Amino acid sequence: MWFNPSCFVASPVNVFGNSGYNILRGPHFWNWDINLSKNFALTEKIRLQFRTDFLNAFNQVAFGNPNTQVDVPGAGTITSVLPNTNPRFIQFGMKLYF
């Protein structure tokens, strides 16, 4: 339960409730992208760069927002993850500057 749905009552049809706008918030989204790189001087004008990128380095799950409809079973629960979020992704690269 992300919030207690018994604190809220569904308003009748065509009647506005008295709760404020956006009073419920979802979980935080933490995404750490880390880059490690090392430059090697081959000659005076040529250098080589080796780099490693860690996208979502700590592999944090991005949960979706809770179900805010209070008059259904499962109100206040989170049952999904955010779309277009990826697990940890590691890539290596090498560049030659001349």
N, C-alpha and C. Protein backbone atom coordinates (compact mmCIF):
# COMPACT_ATOMS: atom_id res chain seq x y z
N MET A 1 0.84 -1.18 0.00
CA MET A 1 0.00 0.00 0.00
C MET A 1 0.89 1.25 0.00
N TRP A 2 0.77 2.03 -1.03
CA TRP A 2 1.56 3.26 -1.12
C TRP A 2 0.90 4.37 -0.32
N PHE A 3 -0.42 4.38 -0.27
CA PHE A 3 -1.16 5.31 0.59
C PHE A 3 -2.39 4.57 1.11
N ASN A 4 -3.02 5.12 2.14
CA ASN A 4 -4.18 4.48 2.77
C ASN A 4 -5.45 4.94 2.05
N PRO A 5 -6.10 4.09 1.27
CA PRO A 5 -7.29 4.51 0.53
C PRO A 5 -8.51 4.74 1.42
N SER A 6 -8.47 4.29 2.66
CA SER A 6 -9.61 4.54 3.54
C SER A 6 -9.68 6.00 3.99
N CYS A 7 -8.64 6.77 3.71
CA CYS A 7 -8.66 8.21 4.03
C CYS A 7 -9.40 9.02 2.98
N PHE A 8 -9.81 8.38 1.89
CA PHE A 8 -10.46 9.08 0.78
C PHE A 8 -11.79 8.41 0.49
N VAL A 9 -12.74 9.20 -0.02
CA VAL A 9 -14.06 8.70 -0.43
C VAL A 9 -14.28 9.15 -1.86
N ALA A 10 -14.76 8.24 -2.69
CA ALA A 10 -15.05 8.59 -4.08
C ALA A 10 -16.25 9.53 -4.11
N SER A 11 -16.16 10.61 -4.87
CA SER A 11 -17.26 11.57 -4.95
C SER A 11 -18.34 11.04 -5.89
N PRO A 12 -19.58 11.47 -5.69
CA PRO A 12 -20.66 11.03 -6.59
C PRO A 12 -20.43 11.52 -8.02
N VAL A 13 -21.20 10.98 -8.94
CA VAL A 13 -21.08 11.33 -10.35
C VAL A 13 -21.43 12.81 -10.53
N ASN A 14 -20.65 13.51 -11.36
CA ASN A 14 -20.83 14.93 -11.69
C ASN A 14 -20.69 15.86 -10.50
N VAL A 15 -19.95 15.44 -9.48
CA VAL A 15 -19.70 16.27 -8.31
C VAL A 15 -18.19 16.30 -8.09
N PHE A 16 -17.65 17.51 -7.91
CA PHE A 16 -16.23 17.65 -7.63
C PHE A 16 -15.98 17.34 -6.16
N GLY A 17 -14.87 16.69 -5.87
CA GLY A 17 -14.49 16.42 -4.49
C GLY A 17 -13.77 17.62 -3.88
N ASN A 18 -13.32 17.48 -2.65
CA ASN A 18 -12.66 18.60 -1.98
C ASN A 18 -11.16 18.35 -1.76
N SER A 19 -10.62 17.31 -2.38
CA SER A 19 -9.17 17.08 -2.28
C SER A 19 -8.44 18.01 -3.23
N GLY A 20 -7.22 18.36 -2.86
CA GLY A 20 -6.42 19.22 -3.72
C GLY A 20 -5.93 18.49 -4.95
N TYR A 21 -5.41 19.24 -5.88
CA TYR A 21 -4.87 18.69 -7.11
C TYR A 21 -3.46 18.16 -6.86
N ASN A 22 -3.15 16.96 -7.33
CA ASN A 22 -1.83 16.33 -7.19
C ASN A 22 -1.38 16.21 -5.74
N ILE A 23 -2.24 15.72 -4.86
CA ILE A 23 -1.85 15.57 -3.45
C ILE A 23 -1.12 14.25 -3.21
N LEU A 24 -1.22 13.31 -4.15
CA LEU A 24 -0.54 12.03 -4.02
C LEU A 24 0.68 12.01 -4.93
N ARG A 25 1.76 11.47 -4.41
CA ARG A 25 2.99 11.39 -5.20
C ARG A 25 3.45 9.95 -5.27
N GLY A 26 4.09 9.62 -6.37
CA GLY A 26 4.62 8.28 -6.56
C GLY A 26 6.03 8.15 -6.01
N PRO A 27 6.64 7.00 -6.19
CA PRO A 27 8.00 6.79 -5.68
C PRO A 27 9.03 7.57 -6.48
N HIS A 28 10.15 7.81 -5.85
CA HIS A 28 11.25 8.53 -6.51
C HIS A 28 11.89 7.64 -7.56
N PHE A 29 12.51 8.28 -8.51
CA PHE A 29 13.23 7.58 -9.57
C PHE A 29 14.70 7.95 -9.48
N TRP A 30 15.53 6.97 -9.18
CA TRP A 30 16.97 7.19 -9.08
C TRP A 30 17.65 6.50 -10.26
N ASN A 31 18.40 7.27 -11.01
CA ASN A 31 19.11 6.72 -12.16
C ASN A 31 20.52 7.30 -12.15
N TRP A 32 21.50 6.45 -11.91
CA TRP A 32 22.89 6.88 -11.88
C TRP A 32 23.58 6.41 -13.15
N ASP A 33 24.10 7.37 -13.92
CA ASP A 33 24.91 7.07 -15.10
C ASP A 33 26.35 7.46 -14.79
N ILE A 34 27.26 6.52 -14.93
CA ILE A 34 28.66 6.74 -14.56
C ILE A 34 29.53 6.47 -15.79
N ASN A 35 30.54 7.30 -15.96
CA ASN A 35 31.47 7.16 -17.07
C ASN A 35 32.88 7.14 -16.50
N LEU A 36 33.66 6.14 -16.91
CA LEU A 36 35.07 6.07 -16.56
C LEU A 36 35.86 6.06 -17.87
N SER A 37 36.88 6.91 -17.94
CA SER A 37 37.66 6.96 -19.17
C SER A 37 39.14 7.16 -18.85
N LYS A 38 39.98 6.71 -19.75
CA LYS A 38 41.43 6.84 -19.62
C LYS A 38 41.99 7.24 -20.97
N ASN A 39 42.82 8.28 -20.97
CA ASN A 39 43.48 8.75 -22.19
C ASN A 39 44.92 8.28 -22.21
N PHE A 40 45.36 7.78 -23.36
CA PHE A 40 46.74 7.33 -23.55
C PHE A 40 47.35 8.18 -24.66
N ALA A 41 48.47 8.83 -24.39
CA ALA A 41 49.18 9.61 -25.41
C ALA A 41 50.10 8.67 -26.19
N LEU A 42 49.79 8.48 -27.48
CA LEU A 42 50.61 7.60 -28.31
C LEU A 42 51.78 8.35 -28.92
N THR A 43 51.50 9.54 -29.46
CA THR A 43 52.54 10.44 -29.93
C THR A 43 52.15 11.83 -29.45
N GLU A 44 52.85 12.83 -29.97
CA GLU A 44 52.55 14.19 -29.55
C GLU A 44 51.16 14.65 -30.01
N LYS A 45 50.71 14.17 -31.18
CA LYS A 45 49.43 14.60 -31.73
C LYS A 45 48.36 13.52 -31.70
N ILE A 46 48.71 12.30 -31.44
CA ILE A 46 47.75 11.20 -31.48
C ILE A 46 47.54 10.66 -30.06
N ARG A 47 46.28 10.51 -29.70
CA ARG A 47 45.98 9.90 -28.40
C ARG A 47 44.83 8.92 -28.54
N LEU A 48 44.79 7.99 -27.65
CA LEU A 48 43.78 6.94 -27.64
C LEU A 48 42.99 7.05 -26.35
N GLN A 49 41.68 6.99 -26.47
CA GLN A 49 40.82 7.07 -25.29
C GLN A 49 40.02 5.78 -25.16
N PHE A 50 40.09 5.19 -23.98
CA PHE A 50 39.28 4.02 -23.64
C PHE A 50 38.25 4.47 -22.63
N ARG A 51 36.99 4.15 -22.86
CA ARG A 51 35.93 4.59 -21.97
C ARG A 51 34.95 3.47 -21.68
N THR A 52 34.36 3.53 -20.49
CA THR A 52 33.34 2.59 -20.05
C THR A 52 32.18 3.41 -19.51
N ASP A 53 30.98 3.13 -20.01
CA ASP A 53 29.77 3.82 -19.56
C ASP A 53 28.88 2.83 -18.83
N PHE A 54 28.46 3.19 -17.64
CA PHE A 54 27.51 2.40 -16.85
C PHE A 54 26.21 3.18 -16.79
N LEU A 55 25.20 2.73 -17.52
CA LEU A 55 23.90 3.40 -17.52
C LEU A 55 23.00 2.65 -16.55
N ASN A 56 22.36 3.37 -15.61
CA ASN A 56 21.64 2.79 -14.48
C ASN A 56 22.59 1.88 -13.71
N ALA A 57 23.69 2.46 -13.25
CA ALA A 57 24.81 1.70 -12.69
C ALA A 57 24.42 0.84 -11.50
N PHE A 58 23.51 1.29 -10.66
CA PHE A 58 23.15 0.53 -9.47
C PHE A 58 21.91 -0.33 -9.69
N ASN A 59 21.44 -0.41 -10.94
CA ASN A 59 20.34 -1.28 -11.33
C ASN A 59 19.08 -1.04 -10.50
N GLN A 60 18.69 0.23 -10.36
CA GLN A 60 17.50 0.59 -9.59
C GLN A 60 16.25 0.38 -10.43
N VAL A 61 15.23 -0.19 -9.82
CA VAL A 61 13.95 -0.39 -10.49
C VAL A 61 13.16 0.91 -10.41
N ALA A 62 12.54 1.31 -11.50
CA ALA A 62 11.72 2.53 -11.54
C ALA A 62 10.25 2.12 -11.49
N PHE A 63 9.66 2.17 -10.31
CA PHE A 63 8.27 1.78 -10.16
C PHE A 63 7.34 2.85 -10.70
N GLY A 64 6.17 2.44 -11.18
CA GLY A 64 5.17 3.36 -11.68
C GLY A 64 4.40 4.02 -10.55
N ASN A 65 3.43 4.81 -10.89
CA ASN A 65 2.60 5.49 -9.90
C ASN A 65 1.56 4.54 -9.33
N PRO A 66 1.10 4.79 -8.10
CA PRO A 66 0.09 3.90 -7.50
C PRO A 66 -1.28 4.11 -8.14
N ASN A 67 -2.14 3.12 -7.97
CA ASN A 67 -3.51 3.21 -8.44
C ASN A 67 -4.25 4.20 -7.55
N THR A 68 -4.71 5.31 -8.11
CA THR A 68 -5.32 6.37 -7.29
C THR A 68 -6.84 6.33 -7.29
N GLN A 69 -7.42 5.39 -7.97
CA GLN A 69 -8.88 5.26 -7.95
C GLN A 69 -9.25 4.53 -6.66
N VAL A 70 -9.92 5.23 -5.73
CA VAL A 70 -10.08 4.71 -4.36
C VAL A 70 -11.25 3.75 -4.21
N ASP A 71 -12.13 3.62 -5.19
CA ASP A 71 -13.30 2.77 -5.03
C ASP A 71 -13.16 1.42 -5.74
N VAL A 72 -11.95 0.97 -6.00
CA VAL A 72 -11.71 -0.33 -6.64
C VAL A 72 -10.77 -1.15 -5.77
N PRO A 73 -10.81 -2.46 -5.88
CA PRO A 73 -9.82 -3.27 -5.16
C PRO A 73 -8.42 -2.98 -5.71
N GLY A 74 -7.45 -2.98 -4.85
CA GLY A 74 -6.08 -2.67 -5.27
C GLY A 74 -5.78 -1.19 -5.26
N ALA A 75 -6.62 -0.39 -4.63
CA ALA A 75 -6.36 1.05 -4.56
C ALA A 75 -5.13 1.29 -3.70
N GLY A 76 -4.27 2.17 -4.14
CA GLY A 76 -3.07 2.51 -3.39
C GLY A 76 -1.90 1.57 -3.61
N THR A 77 -2.03 0.62 -4.51
CA THR A 77 -0.94 -0.32 -4.76
C THR A 77 -0.22 0.03 -6.06
N ILE A 78 1.03 -0.36 -6.14
CA ILE A 78 1.84 -0.15 -7.34
C ILE A 78 1.99 -1.50 -8.03
N THR A 79 1.58 -1.57 -9.28
CA THR A 79 1.61 -2.84 -10.00
C THR A 79 2.41 -2.78 -11.30
N SER A 80 3.17 -1.72 -11.51
CA SER A 80 3.89 -1.61 -12.77
C SER A 80 5.21 -0.88 -12.57
N VAL A 81 6.02 -0.89 -13.61
CA VAL A 81 7.24 -0.10 -13.65
C VAL A 81 7.06 0.99 -14.70
N LEU A 82 7.89 2.01 -14.64
CA LEU A 82 7.80 3.09 -15.62
C LEU A 82 8.15 2.58 -17.01
N PRO A 83 7.45 3.05 -18.03
CA PRO A 83 7.81 2.62 -19.39
C PRO A 83 9.15 3.23 -19.82
N ASN A 84 9.80 2.56 -20.72
CA ASN A 84 11.07 3.00 -21.30
C ASN A 84 12.19 3.13 -20.28
N THR A 85 12.15 2.33 -19.23
CA THR A 85 13.26 2.27 -18.29
C THR A 85 13.98 0.94 -18.48
N ASN A 86 15.27 0.98 -18.40
CA ASN A 86 16.08 -0.20 -18.70
C ASN A 86 16.85 -0.65 -17.48
N PRO A 87 17.20 -1.93 -17.43
CA PRO A 87 18.10 -2.39 -16.38
C PRO A 87 19.51 -1.88 -16.65
N ARG A 88 20.45 -2.28 -15.83
CA ARG A 88 21.83 -1.83 -15.99
C ARG A 88 22.33 -2.14 -17.40
N PHE A 89 23.04 -1.17 -17.97
CA PHE A 89 23.58 -1.31 -19.32
C PHE A 89 25.03 -0.83 -19.27
N ILE A 90 25.95 -1.67 -19.69
CA ILE A 90 27.38 -1.33 -19.68
C ILE A 90 27.89 -1.37 -21.11
N GLN A 91 28.60 -0.32 -21.49
CA GLN A 91 29.18 -0.31 -22.84
C GLN A 91 30.63 0.17 -22.76
N PHE A 92 31.44 -0.37 -23.66
CA PHE A 92 32.84 -0.02 -23.75
C PHE A 92 33.08 0.65 -25.09
N GLY A 93 34.01 1.59 -25.11
CA GLY A 93 34.33 2.27 -26.35
C GLY A 93 35.80 2.67 -26.40
N MET A 94 36.26 2.87 -27.61
CA MET A 94 37.63 3.28 -27.82
C MET A 94 37.65 4.31 -28.95
N LYS A 95 38.33 5.42 -28.73
CA LYS A 95 38.44 6.48 -29.74
C LYS A 95 39.92 6.77 -30.01
N LEU A 96 40.18 7.06 -31.25
CA LEU A 96 41.53 7.47 -31.64
C LEU A 96 41.43 8.92 -32.13
N TYR A 97 42.10 9.81 -31.41
CA TYR A 97 42.12 11.24 -31.77
C TYR A 97 43.43 11.52 -32.53
N PHE A 98 43.30 12.15 -33.70
CA PHE A 98 44.50 12.49 -34.47
C PHE A 98 44.34 13.82 -35.14
